[in-house]
Amino acid sequence: MSTKTVRSLLVAAVVLQLLWCILQPAENRLAPKSPEMAQALREYQTNRTAITEAALWGQVRRDELRDARRAKALFISMLLADIVAIYLFWNHGFRKPAT
């Protein structure tokens, strides 16, 4: 592969990752993402009180915090992988002129 092809593939990969991070669809906040959320939702549906509602929204906040941490870790790992790939392959196939 030529250097130009490798560079364009690296740039395309970084742009696609950036678009993937920015353009994620909105989610349903009450969709059960964990067993604890499913249990809190089930309890709220069977017994609609202020206590079960507070427990439900507390679990929603915990799930969102966990998801935010995972998204941050994924973004940082993708960024590190991009840096390593660019460092290793940016000049792939490039031959230094003999002196």
Protein backbone atom coordinates (compact mmCIF):
# COMPACT_ATOMS: atom_id res chain seq x y z
CA MET A 1 0.00 0.00 0.00
CA SER A 2 1.13 3.47 -0.66
CA THR A 3 1.62 6.07 2.04
CA LYS A 4 -1.27 8.10 0.64
CA THR A 5 -3.67 5.15 0.93
CA VAL A 6 -2.65 4.37 4.51
CA ARG A 7 -2.98 8.01 5.54
CA SER A 8 -6.42 8.34 3.97
CA LEU A 9 -7.58 5.14 5.72
CA LEU A 10 -6.34 6.45 9.07
CA VAL A 11 -8.08 9.79 8.59
CA ALA A 12 -11.29 8.05 7.50
CA ALA A 13 -11.20 5.80 10.59
CA VAL A 14 -10.76 8.78 12.92
CA VAL A 15 -13.58 10.72 11.22
CA LEU A 16 -15.95 7.73 11.40
CA GLN A 17 -15.16 7.22 15.09
CA LEU A 18 -15.79 10.89 15.77
CA LEU A 19 -19.13 10.77 13.96
CA TRP A 20 -20.06 7.59 15.83
CA CYS A 21 -19.36 9.29 19.18
CA ILE A 22 -21.26 12.47 18.29
CA LEU A 23 -24.30 11.08 16.46
CA GLN A 24 -25.53 8.41 18.86
CA PRO A 25 -29.33 8.20 19.03
CA ALA A 26 -31.31 9.25 22.08
CA GLU A 27 -32.23 6.45 24.44
CA ASN A 28 -35.28 5.66 26.50
CA ARG A 29 -34.27 6.56 30.07
CA LEU A 30 -36.70 4.02 31.58
CA ALA A 31 -35.62 1.06 29.48
CA PRO A 32 -34.17 -1.57 31.81
CA LYS A 33 -30.40 -1.59 31.26
CA SER A 34 -29.59 -3.58 34.37
CA PRO A 35 -31.36 -6.13 36.58
CA GLU A 36 -31.60 -3.50 39.31
CA MET A 37 -33.40 -1.14 36.93
CA ALA A 38 -35.84 -3.87 35.90
CA GLN A 39 -36.57 -4.58 39.55
CA ALA A 40 -37.05 -0.89 40.40
CA LEU A 41 -39.36 -0.46 37.40
CA ARG A 42 -41.37 -3.56 38.36
CA GLU A 43 -41.72 -2.33 41.96
CA TYR A 44 -42.86 1.10 40.77
CA GLN A 45 -45.43 -0.39 38.40
CA THR A 46 -46.92 -2.60 41.12
CA ASN A 47 -46.82 0.01 43.91
CA ARG A 48 -46.90 3.62 42.75
CA THR A 49 -45.70 5.54 45.77
CA ALA A 50 -43.27 8.39 46.24
CA ILE A 51 -40.72 5.99 47.74
CA THR A 52 -40.75 3.61 44.78
CA GLU A 53 -40.65 6.55 42.37
CA ALA A 54 -37.60 7.97 44.16
CA ALA A 55 -35.97 4.54 44.07
CA LEU A 56 -36.72 4.27 40.35
CA TRP A 57 -35.19 7.66 39.52
CA GLY A 58 -32.22 6.92 41.76
CA GLN A 59 -31.58 3.76 39.77
CA VAL A 60 -31.97 5.71 36.51
CA ARG A 61 -29.27 8.13 37.70
CA ARG A 62 -26.96 5.26 38.71
CA ASP A 63 -27.42 3.56 35.33
CA GLU A 64 -26.77 6.82 33.47
CA LEU A 65 -23.64 7.44 35.54
CA ARG A 66 -22.39 3.92 34.77
CA ASP A 67 -23.14 4.40 31.06
CA ALA A 68 -21.34 7.76 31.06
CA ARG A 69 -18.26 6.15 32.62
CA ARG A 70 -18.33 3.37 30.03
CA ALA A 71 -18.70 5.87 27.20
CA LYS A 72 -15.79 7.92 28.55
CA ALA A 73 -13.61 4.80 28.86
CA LEU A 74 -14.54 3.74 25.32
CA PHE A 75 -13.77 7.19 23.95
CA ILE A 76 -10.38 7.31 25.69
CA SER A 77 -9.46 3.82 24.51
CA MET A 78 -10.45 4.69 20.92
CA LEU A 79 -8.40 7.88 21.15
CA LEU A 80 -5.36 5.94 22.41
CA ALA A 81 -5.80 3.33 19.67
CA ASP A 82 -5.96 6.13 17.09
CA ILE A 83 -2.79 7.71 18.44
CA VAL A 84 -0.95 4.38 18.35
CA ALA A 85 -2.20 3.58 14.84
CA ILE A 86 -1.23 7.00 13.51
CA TYR A 87 2.18 6.80 15.17
CA LEU A 88 2.89 3.34 13.77
CA PHE A 89 1.34 3.58 10.31
CA TRP A 90 1.41 7.24 9.22
CA ASN A 91 4.64 6.77 7.28
CA HIS A 92 4.03 3.14 6.39
CA GLY A 93 5.69 2.35 3.08
CA PHE A 94 7.60 5.62 3.00
CA ARG A 95 11.21 5.10 1.99
CA LYS A 96 13.83 7.55 3.10
CA PRO A 97 16.00 8.73 0.23
CA ALA A 98 19.49 7.30 0.29
CA THR A 99 22.20 9.84 0.88
